[in-house]
Amino acid sequence: MSSYVGSTYASFAAFLGKKDSRTIQGKRATRVERRSDGIVVTYHGTVMVGAYPDGTFRIFGGIGSATDNVRINTYSPARVSQRDYRRYIATGERDERGRAVTIPFRSGMTIAADGTPVLA
């Protein structure tokens, strides 16, 4: 069983080993839990990130706090930012001025392994 958490399905599975749930050291309220369809990271019991064997992720909003954004950015390939009390997710593209292109954040968004949102 590894103490490294990482941000992939494989790293979460290695972190859990044979356990179904484990607290992240130094982050008492943050847990990694095995579910029937994947592995999730929870913060105070609220699912923040879901990782799946096919390499995709689903990200959830929590209450929109800075800590929620840190958990999403740390335990998934997604990059969430906040501006004027609204949350955004980076698309992986850059505009003509070199700034990251963002779209509005929606709880439950699917994210590819490279961090780009999967738009339905």
PDB file of N, CA and C in Angstrom:
ATOM      1  N   MET A   1       0.859  -1.174   0.000  1.00  0.00           N
ATOM      2  CA  MET A   1       0.000   0.000   0.000  1.00  0.00           C
ATOM      3  C   MET A   1       0.907   1.238   0.000  1.00  0.00           C
ATOM      4  N   SER A   2       0.629   2.108  -0.941  1.00  0.00           N
ATOM      5  CA  SER A   2       1.437   3.304  -1.131  1.00  0.00           C
ATOM      6  C   SER A   2       0.916   4.460  -0.279  1.00  0.00           C
ATOM      7  N   SER A   3       1.799   5.393   0.082  1.00  0.00           N
ATOM      8  CA  SER A   3       1.349   6.605   0.765  1.00  0.00           C
ATOM      9  C   SER A   3       1.150   7.739  -0.241  1.00  0.00           C
ATOM     10  N   TYR A   4       1.571   7.501  -1.512  1.00  0.00           N
ATOM     11  CA  TYR A   4       1.382   8.479  -2.578  1.00  0.00           C
ATOM     12  C   TYR A   4      -0.044   8.376  -3.103  1.00  0.00           C
ATOM     13  N   VAL A   5      -0.749   9.504  -3.179  1.00  0.00           N
ATOM     14  CA  VAL A   5      -2.133   9.491  -3.636  1.00  0.00           C
ATOM     15  C   VAL A   5      -2.209   9.675  -5.136  1.00  0.00           C
ATOM     16  N   GLY A   6      -1.550  10.684  -5.685  1.00  0.00           N
ATOM     17  CA  GLY A   6      -1.560  10.921  -7.119  1.00  0.00           C
ATOM     18  C   GLY A   6      -2.881  11.463  -7.627  1.00  0.00           C
ATOM     19  N   SER A   7      -3.056  11.403  -8.947  1.00  0.00           N
ATOM     20  CA  SER A   7      -4.286  11.913  -9.537  1.00  0.00           C
ATOM     21  C   SER A   7      -4.711  11.082 -10.746  1.00  0.00           C
ATOM     22  N   THR A   8      -4.550   9.764 -10.633  1.00  0.00           N
ATOM     23  CA  THR A   8      -5.024   8.842 -11.660  1.00  0.00           C
ATOM     24  C   THR A   8      -5.755   7.693 -10.986  1.00  0.00           C
ATOM     25  N   TYR A   9      -6.557   6.981 -11.748  1.00  0.00           N
ATOM     26  CA  TYR A   9      -7.257   5.821 -11.200  1.00  0.00           C
ATOM     27  C   TYR A   9      -6.244   4.823 -10.638  1.00  0.00           C
ATOM     28  N   ALA A  10      -5.177   4.565 -11.388  1.00  0.00           N
ATOM     29  CA  ALA A  10      -4.165   3.588 -10.945  1.00  0.00           C
ATOM     30  C   ALA A  10      -3.493   4.027  -9.647  1.00  0.00           C
ATOM     31  N   SER A  11      -3.181   5.323  -9.511  1.00  0.00           N
ATOM     32  CA  SER A  11      -2.527   5.787  -8.282  1.00  0.00           C
ATOM     33  C   SER A  11      -3.489   5.722  -7.095  1.00  0.00           C
ATOM     34  N   PHE A  12      -4.777   5.994  -7.324  1.00  0.00           N
ATOM     35  CA  PHE A  12      -5.760   5.860  -6.242  1.00  0.00           C
ATOM     36  C   PHE A  12      -5.879   4.397  -5.820  1.00  0.00           C
ATOM     37  N   ALA A  13      -5.911   3.484  -6.798  1.00  0.00           N
ATOM     38  CA  ALA A  13      -6.016   2.051  -6.488  1.00  0.00           C
ATOM     39  C   ALA A  13      -4.790   1.585  -5.702  1.00  0.00           C
ATOM     40  N   ALA A  14      -3.606   2.060  -6.083  1.00  0.00           N
ATOM     41  CA  ALA A  14      -2.386   1.693  -5.356  1.00  0.00           C
ATOM     42  C   ALA A  14      -2.413   2.260  -3.942  1.00  0.00           C
ATOM     43  N   PHE A  15      -2.912   3.475  -3.792  1.00  0.00           N
ATOM     44  CA  PHE A  15      -3.025   4.107  -2.470  1.00  0.00           C
ATOM     45  C   PHE A  15      -3.955   3.288  -1.568  1.00  0.00           C
ATOM     46  N   LEU A  16      -5.070   2.812  -2.117  1.00  0.00           N
ATOM     47  CA  LEU A  16      -6.020   2.035  -1.323  1.00  0.00           C
ATOM     48  C   LEU A  16      -5.522   0.632  -1.011  1.00  0.00           C
ATOM     49  N   GLY A  17      -4.741   0.034  -1.914  1.00  0.00           N
ATOM     50  CA  GLY A  17      -4.336  -1.352  -1.723  1.00  0.00           C
ATOM     51  C   GLY A  17      -5.573  -2.230  -1.662  1.00  0.00           C
ATOM     52  N   LYS A  18      -5.725  -3.011  -0.607  1.00  0.00           N
ATOM     53  CA  LYS A  18      -6.896  -3.887  -0.446  1.00  0.00           C
ATOM     54  C   LYS A  18      -8.021  -3.227   0.337  1.00  0.00           C
ATOM     55  N   LYS A  19      -7.780  -2.024   0.826  1.00  0.00           N
ATOM     56  CA  LYS A  19      -8.803  -1.325   1.611  1.00  0.00           C
ATOM     57  C   LYS A  19      -9.855  -0.712   0.696  1.00  0.00           C
ATOM     58  N   ASP A  20     -11.050  -0.498   1.225  1.00  0.00           N
ATOM     59  CA  ASP A  20     -12.121   0.164   0.483  1.00  0.00           C
ATOM     60  C   ASP A  20     -12.144   1.665   0.721  1.00  0.00           C
ATOM     61  N   SER A  21     -11.464   2.117   1.786  1.00  0.00           N
ATOM     62  CA  SER A  21     -11.477   3.541   2.123  1.00  0.00           C
ATOM     63  C   SER A  21     -10.225   3.851   2.932  1.00  0.00           C
ATOM     64  N   ARG A  22      -9.682   5.035   2.686  1.00  0.00           N
ATOM     65  CA  ARG A  22      -8.481   5.432   3.419  1.00  0.00           C
ATOM     66  C   ARG A  22      -8.392   6.952   3.475  1.00  0.00           C
ATOM     67  N   THR A  23      -8.045   7.483   4.643  1.00  0.00           N
ATOM     68  CA  THR A  23      -7.856   8.918   4.825  1.00  0.00           C
ATOM     69  C   THR A  23      -6.499   9.328   4.271  1.00  0.00           C
ATOM     70  N   ILE A  24      -6.453  10.482   3.635  1.00  0.00           N
ATOM     71  CA  ILE A  24      -5.189  11.008   3.121  1.00  0.00           C
ATOM     72  C   ILE A  24      -4.435  11.645   4.279  1.00  0.00           C
ATOM     73  N   GLN A  25      -3.204  11.219   4.478  1.00  0.00           N
ATOM     74  CA  GLN A  25      -2.400  11.706   5.594  1.00  0.00           C
ATOM     75  C   GLN A  25      -2.256  13.218   5.533  1.00  0.00           C
ATOM     76  N   GLY A  26      -2.501  13.870   6.662  1.00  0.00           N
ATOM     77  CA  GLY A  26      -2.397  15.311   6.754  1.00  0.00           C
ATOM     78  C   GLY A  26      -3.638  16.045   6.267  1.00  0.00           C
ATOM     79  N   LYS A  27      -4.604  15.304   5.776  1.00  0.00           N
ATOM     80  CA  LYS A  27      -5.854  15.889   5.264  1.00  0.00           C
ATOM     81  C   LYS A  27      -7.008  15.112   5.893  1.00  0.00           C
ATOM     82  N   ARG A  28      -7.195  15.260   7.189  1.00  0.00           N
ATOM     83  CA  ARG A  28      -8.144  14.453   7.957  1.00  0.00           C
ATOM     84  C   ARG A  28      -9.512  14.305   7.320  1.00  0.00           C
ATOM     85  N   ALA A  29     -10.021  15.348   6.713  1.00  0.00           N
ATOM     86  CA  ALA A  29     -11.380  15.322   6.180  1.00  0.00           C
ATOM     87  C   ALA A  29     -11.436  14.819   4.740  1.00  0.00           C
ATOM     88  N   THR A  30     -10.276  14.457   4.170  1.00  0.00           N
ATOM     89  CA  THR A  30     -10.226  14.004   2.779  1.00  0.00           C
ATOM     90  C   THR A  30      -9.946  12.515   2.745  1.00  0.00           C
ATOM     91  N   ARG A  31     -10.826  11.784   2.041  1.00  0.00           N
ATOM     92  CA  ARG A  31     -10.703  10.329   1.966  1.00  0.00           C
ATOM     93  C   ARG A  31     -10.742   9.868   0.517  1.00  0.00           C
ATOM     94  N   VAL A  32     -10.098   8.735   0.257  1.00  0.00           N
ATOM     95  CA  VAL A  32     -10.200   8.046  -1.019  1.00  0.00           C
ATOM     96  C   VAL A  32     -11.043   6.806  -0.754  1.00  0.00           C
ATOM     97  N   GLU A  33     -12.090   6.591  -1.556  1.00  0.00           N
ATOM     98  CA  GLU A  33     -13.022   5.485  -1.331  1.00  0.00           C
ATOM     99  C   GLU A  33     -13.268   4.720  -2.621  1.00  0.00           C
ATOM    100  N   ARG A  34     -13.259   3.404  -2.497  1.00  0.00           N
ATOM    101  CA  ARG A  34     -13.573   2.549  -3.636  1.00  0.00           C
ATOM    102  C   ARG A  34     -15.088   2.417  -3.741  1.00  0.00           C
ATOM    103  N   ARG A  35     -15.633   2.617  -4.933  1.00  0.00           N
ATOM    104  CA  ARG A  35     -17.058   2.455  -5.204  1.00  0.00           C
ATOM    105  C   ARG A  35     -17.221   1.398  -6.289  1.00  0.00           C
ATOM    106  N   SER A  36     -18.438   0.983  -6.555  1.00  0.00           N
ATOM    107  CA  SER A  36     -18.669  -0.093  -7.525  1.00  0.00           C
ATOM    108  C   SER A  36     -18.199   0.269  -8.936  1.00  0.00           C
ATOM    109  N   ASP A  37     -18.276   1.540  -9.316  1.00  0.00           N
ATOM    110  CA  ASP A  37     -17.919   1.925 -10.683  1.00  0.00           C
ATOM    111  C   ASP A  37     -16.581   2.654 -10.783  1.00  0.00           C
ATOM    112  N   GLY A  38     -15.941   2.965  -9.681  1.00  0.00           N
ATOM    113  CA  GLY A  38     -14.669   3.692  -9.719  1.00  0.00           C
ATOM    114  C   GLY A  38     -14.180   4.012  -8.325  1.00  0.00           C
ATOM    115  N   ILE A  39     -13.325   4.998  -8.239  1.00  0.00           N
ATOM    116  CA  ILE A  39     -12.755   5.439  -6.965  1.00  0.00           C
ATOM    117  C   ILE A  39     -13.033   6.928  -6.831  1.00  0.00           C
ATOM    118  N   VAL A  40     -13.461   7.358  -5.647  1.00  0.00           N
ATOM    119  CA  VAL A  40     -13.784   8.764  -5.435  1.00  0.00           C
ATOM    120  C   VAL A  40     -12.916   9.365  -4.342  1.00  0.00           C
ATOM    121  N   VAL A  41     -12.737  10.678  -4.425  1.00  0.00           N
ATOM    122  CA  VAL A  41     -12.098  11.457  -3.365  1.00  0.00           C
ATOM    123  C   VAL A  41     -13.203  12.277  -2.730  1.00  0.00           C
ATOM    124  N   THR A  42     -13.346  12.151  -1.411  1.00  0.00           N
ATOM    125  CA  THR A  42     -14.380  12.907  -0.706  1.00  0.00           C
ATOM    126  C   THR A  42     -13.730  13.914   0.234  1.00  0.00           C
ATOM    127  N   TYR A  43     -14.455  14.988   0.476  1.00  0.00           N
ATOM    128  CA  TYR A  43     -14.032  16.011   1.434  1.00  0.00           C
ATOM    129  C   TYR A  43     -15.224  16.269   2.341  1.00  0.00           C
ATOM    130  N   HIS A  44     -15.071  15.986   3.617  1.00  0.00           N
ATOM    131  CA  HIS A  44     -16.171  16.060   4.588  1.00  0.00           C
ATOM    132  C   HIS A  44     -17.384  15.268   4.101  1.00  0.00           C
ATOM    133  N   GLY A  45     -17.126  14.117   3.486  1.00  0.00           N
ATOM    134  CA  GLY A  45     -18.197  13.228   3.039  1.00  0.00           C
ATOM    135  C   GLY A  45     -18.811  13.576   1.700  1.00  0.00           C
ATOM    136  N   THR A  46     -18.407  14.683   1.089  1.00  0.00           N
ATOM    137  CA  THR A  46     -18.938  15.096  -0.210  1.00  0.00           C
ATOM    138  C   THR A  46     -17.976  14.663  -1.310  1.00  0.00           C
ATOM    139  N   VAL A  47     -18.485  13.990  -2.325  1.00  0.00           N
ATOM    140  CA  VAL A  47     -17.630  13.552  -3.429  1.00  0.00           C
ATOM    141  C   VAL A  47     -17.140  14.772  -4.208  1.00  0.00           C
ATOM    142  N   MET A  48     -15.829  14.874  -4.364  1.00  0.00           N
ATOM    143  CA  MET A  48     -15.216  15.973  -5.113  1.00  0.00           C
ATOM    144  C   MET A  48     -14.751  15.503  -6.489  1.00  0.00           C
ATOM    145  N   VAL A  49     -14.165  14.307  -6.540  1.00  0.00           N
ATOM    146  CA  VAL A  49     -13.582  13.771  -7.775  1.00  0.00           C
ATOM    147  C   VAL A  49     -13.904  12.293  -7.853  1.00  0.00           C
ATOM    148  N   GLY A  50     -14.307  11.838  -9.039  1.00  0.00           N
ATOM    149  CA  GLY A  50     -14.478  10.414  -9.302  1.00  0.00           C
ATOM    150  C   GLY A  50     -13.500  10.012 -10.395  1.00  0.00           C
ATOM    151  N   ALA A  51     -12.765   8.931 -10.204  1.00  0.00           N
ATOM    152  CA  ALA A  51     -11.814   8.425 -11.202  1.00  0.00           C
ATOM    153  C   ALA A  51     -12.282   7.047 -11.645  1.00  0.00           C
ATOM    154  N   TYR A  52     -12.178   6.771 -12.942  1.00  0.00           N
ATOM    155  CA  TYR A  52     -12.734   5.545 -13.503  1.00  0.00           C
ATOM    156  C   TYR A  52     -11.679   4.777 -14.284  1.00  0.00           C
ATOM    157  N   PRO A  53     -11.846   3.450 -14.387  1.00  0.00           N
ATOM    158  CA  PRO A  53     -10.827   2.611 -15.040  1.00  0.00           C
ATOM    159  C   PRO A  53     -10.519   3.006 -16.483  1.00  0.00           C
ATOM    160  N   ASP A  54     -11.455   3.645 -17.180  1.00  0.00           N
ATOM    161  CA  ASP A  54     -11.208   4.046 -18.574  1.00  0.00           C
ATOM    162  C   ASP A  54     -10.366   5.316 -18.682  1.00  0.00           C
ATOM    163  N   GLY A  55      -9.943   5.876 -17.544  1.00  0.00           N
ATOM    164  CA  GLY A  55      -9.080   7.053 -17.542  1.00  0.00           C
ATOM    165  C   GLY A  55      -9.822   8.376 -17.413  1.00  0.00           C
ATOM    166  N   THR A  56     -11.146   8.340 -17.420  1.00  0.00           N
ATOM    167  CA  THR A  56     -11.900   9.582 -17.276  1.00  0.00           C
ATOM    168  C   THR A  56     -12.123   9.908 -15.807  1.00  0.00           C
ATOM    169  N   PHE A  57     -12.513  11.148 -15.585  1.00  0.00           N
ATOM    170  CA  PHE A  57     -12.822  11.656 -14.252  1.00  0.00           C
ATOM    171  C   PHE A  57     -14.162  12.356 -14.316  1.00  0.00           C
ATOM    172  N   ARG A  58     -14.835  12.436 -13.177  1.00  0.00           N
ATOM    173  CA  ARG A  58     -15.989  13.330 -13.032  1.00  0.00           C
ATOM    174  C   ARG A  58     -15.662  14.222 -11.861  1.00  0.00           C
ATOM    175  N   ILE A  59     -15.929  15.513 -12.035  1.00  0.00           N
ATOM    176  CA  ILE A  59     -15.654  16.447 -10.962  1.00  0.00           C
ATOM    177  C   ILE A  59     -16.959  17.045 -10.467  1.00  0.00           C
ATOM    178  N   PHE A  60     -17.014  17.236  -9.163  1.00  0.00           N
ATOM    179  CA  PHE A  60     -18.220  17.728  -8.512  1.00  0.00           C
ATOM    180  C   PHE A  60     -17.882  19.001  -7.755  1.00  0.00           C
ATOM    181  N   GLY A  61     -18.873  19.776  -7.441  1.00  0.00           N
ATOM    182  CA  GLY A  61     -18.624  21.118  -6.971  1.00  0.00           C
ATOM    183  C   GLY A  61     -18.428  21.338  -5.499  1.00  0.00           C
ATOM    184  N   GLY A  62     -18.951  20.484  -4.646  1.00  0.00           N
ATOM    185  CA  GLY A  62     -18.914  20.826  -3.236  1.00  0.00           C
ATOM    186  C   GLY A  62     -19.695  22.108  -3.029  1.00  0.00           C
ATOM    187  N   ILE A  63     -19.204  22.980  -2.175  1.00  0.00           N
ATOM    188  CA  ILE A  63     -19.897  24.249  -1.945  1.00  0.00           C
ATOM    189  C   ILE A  63     -19.225  25.410  -2.675  1.00  0.00           C
ATOM    190  N   GLY A  64     -18.179  25.106  -3.427  1.00  0.00           N
ATOM    191  CA  GLY A  64     -17.513  26.149  -4.197  1.00  0.00           C
ATOM    192  C   GLY A  64     -16.429  26.892  -3.447  1.00  0.00           C
ATOM    193  N   SER A  65     -15.958  26.313  -2.354  1.00  0.00           N
ATOM    194  CA  SER A  65     -14.921  26.980  -1.564  1.00  0.00           C
ATOM    195  C   SER A  65     -13.554  26.831  -2.223  1.00  0.00           C
ATOM    196  N   ALA A  66     -12.615  27.625  -1.762  1.00  0.00           N
ATOM    197  CA  ALA A  66     -11.242  27.521  -2.256  1.00  0.00           C
ATOM    198  C   ALA A  66     -10.685  26.126  -1.982  1.00  0.00           C
ATOM    199  N   THR A  67     -11.021  25.543  -0.843  1.00  0.00           N
ATOM    200  CA  THR A  67     -10.548  24.194  -0.516  1.00  0.00           C
ATOM    201  C   THR A  67     -11.123  23.178  -1.493  1.00  0.00           C
ATOM    202  N   ASP A  68     -12.389  23.330  -1.867  1.00  0.00           N
ATOM    203  CA  ASP A  68     -12.987  22.428  -2.861  1.00  0.00           C
ATOM    204  C   ASP A  68     -12.196  22.504  -4.166  1.00  0.00           C
ATOM    205  N   ASN A  69     -11.871  23.715  -4.611  1.00  0.00           N
ATOM    206  CA  ASN A  69     -11.113  23.880  -5.846  1.00  0.00           C
ATOM    207  C   ASN A  69      -9.739  23.239  -5.739  1.00  0.00           C
ATOM    208  N   VAL A  70      -9.089  23.379  -4.583  1.00  0.00           N
ATOM    209  CA  VAL A  70      -7.775  22.764  -4.375  1.00  0.00           C
ATOM    210  C   VAL A  70      -7.884  21.248  -4.458  1.00  0.00           C
ATOM    211  N   ARG A  71      -8.896  20.661  -3.841  1.00  0.00           N
ATOM    212  CA  ARG A  71      -9.066  19.202  -3.896  1.00  0.00           C
ATOM    213  C   ARG A  71      -9.273  18.736  -5.341  1.00  0.00           C
ATOM    214  N   ILE A  72     -10.093  19.444  -6.101  1.00  0.00           N
ATOM    215  CA  ILE A  72     -10.316  19.075  -7.511  1.00  0.00           C
ATOM    216  C   ILE A  72      -9.014  19.195  -8.297  1.00  0.00           C
ATOM    217  N   ASN A  73      -8.297  20.292  -8.138  1.00  0.00           N
ATOM    218  CA  ASN A  73      -7.058  20.509  -8.882  1.00  0.00           C
ATOM    219  C   ASN A  73      -5.955  19.541  -8.476  1.00  0.00           C
ATOM    220  N   THR A  74      -5.957  19.114  -7.224  1.00  0.00           N
ATOM    221  CA  THR A  74      -4.920  18.204  -6.729  1.00  0.00           C
ATOM    222  C   THR A  74      -5.175  16.758  -7.128  1.00  0.00           C
ATOM    223  N   TYR A  75      -6.422  16.313  -7.065  1.00  0.00           N
ATOM    224  CA  TYR A  75      -6.721  14.898  -7.248  1.00  0.00           C
ATOM    225  C   TYR A  75      -7.382  14.574  -8.582  1.00  0.00           C
ATOM    226  N   SER A  76      -7.301  15.484  -9.549  1.00  0.00           N
ATOM    227  CA  SER A  76      -7.764  15.220 -10.915  1.00  0.00           C
ATOM    228  C   SER A  76      -6.894  16.019 -11.872  1.00  0.00           C
ATOM    229  N   PRO A  77      -6.959  15.698 -13.159  1.00  0.00           N
ATOM    230  CA  PRO A  77      -6.197  16.491 -14.121  1.00  0.00           C
ATOM    231  C   PRO A  77      -6.880  17.817 -14.474  1.00  0.00           C
ATOM    232  N   ALA A  78      -8.069  18.068 -13.949  1.00  0.00           N
ATOM    233  CA  ALA A  78      -8.814  19.294 -14.242  1.00  0.00           C
ATOM    234  C   ALA A  78      -8.153  20.496 -13.577  1.00  0.00           C
ATOM    235  N   ARG A  79      -8.363  21.666 -14.163  1.00  0.00           N
ATOM    236  CA  ARG A  79      -7.880  22.912 -13.579  1.00  0.00           C
ATOM    237  C   ARG A  79      -9.057  23.857 -13.413  1.00  0.00           C
ATOM    238  N   VAL A  80      -9.479  24.023 -12.157  1.00  0.00           N
ATOM    239  CA  VAL A  80     -10.618  24.874 -11.823  1.00  0.00           C
ATOM    240  C   VAL A  80     -10.100  26.198 -11.284  1.00  0.00           C
ATOM    241  N   SER A  81     -10.717  27.278 -11.713  1.00  0.00           N
ATOM    242  CA  SER A  81     -10.372  28.614 -11.201  1.00  0.00           C
ATOM    243  C   SER A  81     -11.666  29.328 -10.835  1.00  0.00           C
ATOM    244  N   GLN A  82     -11.527  30.426 -10.157  1.00  0.00           N
ATOM    245  CA  GLN A  82     -12.700  31.182  -9.723  1.00  0.00           C
ATOM    246  C   GLN A  82     -12.461  32.661  -9.982  1.00  0.00           C
ATOM    247  N   ARG A  83     -13.486  33.318 -10.523  1.00  0.00           N
ATOM    248  CA  ARG A  83     -13.401  34.735 -10.834  1.00  0.00           C
ATOM    249  C   ARG A  83     -14.774  35.345 -10.577  1.00  0.00           C
ATOM    250  N   ASP A  84     -14.836  36.410  -9.796  1.00  0.00           N
ATOM    251  CA  ASP A  84     -16.106  37.074  -9.483  1.00  0.00           C
ATOM    252  C   ASP A  84     -17.155  36.091  -8.968  1.00  0.00           C
ATOM    253  N   TYR A  85     -16.743  35.210  -8.064  1.00  0.00           N
ATOM    254  CA  TYR A  85     -17.616  34.230  -7.417  1.00  0.00           C
ATOM    255  C   TYR A  85     -18.153  33.166  -8.375  1.00  0.00           C
ATOM    256  N   ARG A  86     -17.601  33.078  -9.574  1.00  0.00           N
ATOM    257  CA  ARG A  86     -18.012  32.044 -10.527  1.00  0.00           C
ATOM    258  C   ARG A  86     -16.823  31.148 -10.796  1.00  0.00           C
ATOM    259  N   ARG A  87     -17.110  29.864 -10.935  1.00  0.00           N
ATOM    260  CA  ARG A  87     -16.043  28.899 -11.172  1.00  0.00           C
ATOM    261  C   ARG A  87     -15.963  28.538 -12.644  1.00  0.00           C
ATOM    262  N   TYR A  88     -14.717  28.303 -13.090  1.00  0.00           N
ATOM    263  CA  TYR A  88     -14.451  27.975 -14.485  1.00  0.00           C
ATOM    264  C   TYR A  88     -13.489  26.799 -14.539  1.00  0.00           C
ATOM    265  N   ILE A  89     -13.497  26.117 -15.668  1.00  0.00           N
ATOM    266  CA  ILE A  89     -12.559  25.021 -15.880  1.00  0.00           C
ATOM    267  C   ILE A  89     -11.808  25.281 -17.176  1.00  0.00           C
ATOM    268  N   ALA A  90     -10.507  25.041 -17.147  1.00  0.00           N
ATOM    269  CA  ALA A  90      -9.669  25.265 -18.325  1.00  0.00           C
ATOM    270  C   ALA A  90      -9.940  24.193 -19.373  1.00  0.00           C
ATOM    271  N   THR A  91      -9.941  24.617 -20.651  1.00  0.00           N
ATOM    272  CA  THR A  91     -10.197  23.684 -21.755  1.00  0.00           C
ATOM    273  C   THR A  91      -8.924  23.062 -22.297  1.00  0.00           C
ATOM    274  N   GLY A  92      -7.769  23.575 -21.880  1.00  0.00           N
ATOM    275  CA  GLY A  92      -6.506  23.090 -22.415  1.00  0.00           C
ATOM    276  C   GLY A  92      -6.027  23.909 -23.609  1.00  0.00           C
ATOM    277  N   GLU A  93      -6.843  24.860 -24.048  1.00  0.00           N
ATOM    278  CA  GLU A  93      -6.478  25.716 -25.173  1.00  0.00           C
ATOM    279  C   GLU A  93      -6.020  27.083 -24.658  1.00  0.00           C
ATOM    280  N   ARG A  94      -5.388  27.853 -25.543  1.00  0.00           N
ATOM    281  CA  ARG A  94      -4.932  29.213 -25.229  1.00  0.00           C
ATOM    282  C   ARG A  94      -5.546  30.180 -26.227  1.00  0.00           C
ATOM    283  N   ASP A  95      -5.845  31.396 -25.758  1.00  0.00           N
ATOM    284  CA  ASP A  95      -6.365  32.409 -26.673  1.00  0.00           C
ATOM    285  C   ASP A  95      -5.197  33.113 -27.361  1.00  0.00           C
ATOM    286  N   GLU A  96      -5.507  34.099 -28.195  1.00  0.00           N
ATOM    287  CA  GLU A  96      -4.475  34.798 -28.959  1.00  0.00           C
ATOM    288  C   GLU A  96      -3.476  35.545 -28.080  1.00  0.00           C
ATOM    289  N   ARG A  97      -3.845  35.821 -26.834  1.00  0.00           N
ATOM    290  CA  ARG A  97      -2.933  36.492 -25.900  1.00  0.00           C
ATOM    291  C   ARG A  97      -2.181  35.512 -25.011  1.00  0.00           C
ATOM    292  N   GLY A  98      -2.402  34.209 -25.239  1.00  0.00           N
ATOM    293  CA  GLY A  98      -1.698  33.182 -24.477  1.00  0.00           C
ATOM    294  C   GLY A  98      -2.352  32.793 -23.166  1.00  0.00           C
ATOM    295  N   ARG A  99      -3.555  33.315 -22.911  1.00  0.00           N
ATOM    296  CA  ARG A  99      -4.259  32.987 -21.668  1.00  0.00           C
ATOM    297  C   ARG A  99      -5.069  31.705 -21.844  1.00  0.00           C
ATOM    298  N   ALA A 100      -5.239  30.987 -20.756  1.00  0.00           N
ATOM    299  CA  ALA A 100      -6.022  29.748 -20.796  1.00  0.00           C
ATOM    300  C   ALA A 100      -7.473  30.060 -21.141  1.00  0.00           C
ATOM    301  N   VAL A 101      -8.035  29.285 -22.052  1.00  0.00           N
ATOM    302  CA  VAL A 101      -9.451  29.406 -22.394  1.00  0.00           C
ATOM    303  C   VAL A 101     -10.233  28.595 -21.364  1.00  0.00           C
ATOM    304  N   THR A 102     -11.291  29.204 -20.814  1.00  0.00           N
ATOM    305  CA  THR A 102     -12.087  28.528 -19.793  1.00  0.00           C
ATOM    306  C   THR A 102     -13.555  28.486 -20.210  1.00  0.00           C
ATOM    307  N   ILE A 103     -14.274  27.550 -19.603  1.00  0.00           N
ATOM    308  CA  ILE A 103     -15.723  27.465 -19.766  1.00  0.00           C
ATOM    309  C   ILE A 103     -16.332  27.403 -18.367  1.00  0.00           C
ATOM    310  N   PRO A 104     -17.599  27.749 -18.219  1.00  0.00           N
ATOM    311  CA  PRO A 104     -18.218  27.675 -16.884  1.00  0.00           C
ATOM    312  C   PRO A 104     -18.177  26.253 -16.314  1.00  0.00           C
ATOM    313  N   PHE A 105     -17.877  26.173 -15.047  1.00  0.00           N
ATOM    314  CA  PHE A 105     -17.832  24.902 -14.318  1.00  0.00           C
ATOM    315  C   PHE A 105     -19.249  24.405 -14.055  1.00  0.00           C
ATOM    316  N   ARG A 106     -19.462  23.116 -14.253  1.00  0.00           N
ATOM    317  CA  ARG A 106     -20.718  22.464 -13.883  1.00  0.00           C
ATOM    318  C   ARG A 106     -20.390  21.220 -13.070  1.00  0.00           C
ATOM    319  N   SER A 107     -21.043  21.055 -11.951  1.00  0.00           N
ATOM    320  CA  SER A 107     -20.831  19.861 -11.142  1.00  0.00           C
ATOM    321  C   SER A 107     -21.237  18.635 -11.955  1.00  0.00           C
ATOM    322  N   GLY A 108     -20.400  17.609 -11.916  1.00  0.00           N
ATOM    323  CA  GLY A 108     -20.668  16.373 -12.643  1.00  0.00           C
ATOM    324  C   GLY A 108     -20.023  16.307 -14.012  1.00  0.00           C
ATOM    325  N   MET A 109     -19.206  17.308 -14.350  1.00  0.00           N
ATOM    326  CA  MET A 109     -18.537  17.318 -15.658  1.00  0.00           C
ATOM    327  C   MET A 109     -17.597  16.130 -15.785  1.00  0.00           C
ATOM    328  N   THR A 110     -17.524  15.573 -16.992  1.00  0.00           N
ATOM    329  CA  THR A 110     -16.567  14.514 -17.287  1.00  0.00           C
ATOM    330  C   THR A 110     -15.297  15.161 -17.832  1.00  0.00           C
ATOM    331  N   ILE A 111     -14.167  14.676 -17.343  1.00  0.00           N
ATOM    332  CA  ILE A 111     -12.858  15.208 -17.713  1.00  0.00           C
ATOM    333  C   ILE A 111     -12.012  14.066 -18.279  1.00  0.00           C
ATOM    334  N   ALA A 112     -11.370  14.302 -19.404  1.00  0.00           N
ATOM    335  CA  ALA A 112     -10.465  13.305 -19.992  1.00  0.00           C
ATOM    336  C   ALA A 112      -9.173  13.250 -19.176  1.00  0.00           C
ATOM    337  N   ALA A 113      -8.403  12.200 -19.404  1.00  0.00           N
ATOM    338  CA  ALA A 113      -7.145  12.010 -18.664  1.00  0.00           C
ATOM    339  C   ALA A 113      -6.169  13.158 -18.863  1.00  0.00           C
ATOM    340  N   ASP A 114      -6.277  13.866 -20.003  1.00  0.00           N
ATOM    341  CA  ASP A 114      -5.365  14.997 -20.248  1.00  0.00           C
ATOM    342  C   ASP A 114      -5.874  16.300 -19.632  1.00  0.00           C
ATOM    343  N   GLY A 115      -7.000  16.251 -18.920  1.00  0.00           N
ATOM    344  CA  GLY A 115      -7.512  17.427 -18.214  1.00  0.00           C
ATOM    345  C   GLY A 115      -8.532  18.236 -18.988  1.00  0.00           C
ATOM    346  N   THR A 116      -8.818  17.843 -20.223  1.00  0.00           N
ATOM    347  CA  THR A 116      -9.791  18.597 -21.014  1.00  0.00           C
ATOM    348  C   THR A 116     -11.218  18.129 -20.718  1.00  0.00           C
ATOM    349  N   PRO A 117     -12.147  19.073 -20.659  1.00  0.00           N
ATOM    350  CA  PRO A 117     -13.539  18.692 -20.433  1.00  0.00           C
ATOM    351  C   PRO A 117     -14.094  17.908 -21.621  1.00  0.00           C
ATOM    352  N   VAL A 118     -14.876  16.891 -21.331  1.00  0.00           N
ATOM    353  CA  VAL A 118     -15.552  16.123 -22.375  1.00  0.00           C
ATOM    354  C   VAL A 118     -16.923  16.738 -22.527  1.00  0.00           C
ATOM    355  N   LEU A 119     -17.128  17.443 -23.612  1.00  0.00           N
ATOM    356  CA  LEU A 119     -18.380  18.160 -23.812  1.00  0.00           C
ATOM    357  C   LEU A 119     -19.376  17.259 -24.535  1.00  0.00           C
ATOM    358  N   ALA A 120     -20.565  17.159 -23.976  1.00  0.00           N
ATOM    359  CA  ALA A 120     -21.598  16.291 -24.565  1.00  0.00           C
ATOM    360  C   ALA A 120     -22.426  17.031 -25.580  1.00  0.00           C
TER     361      ALA A 120
END
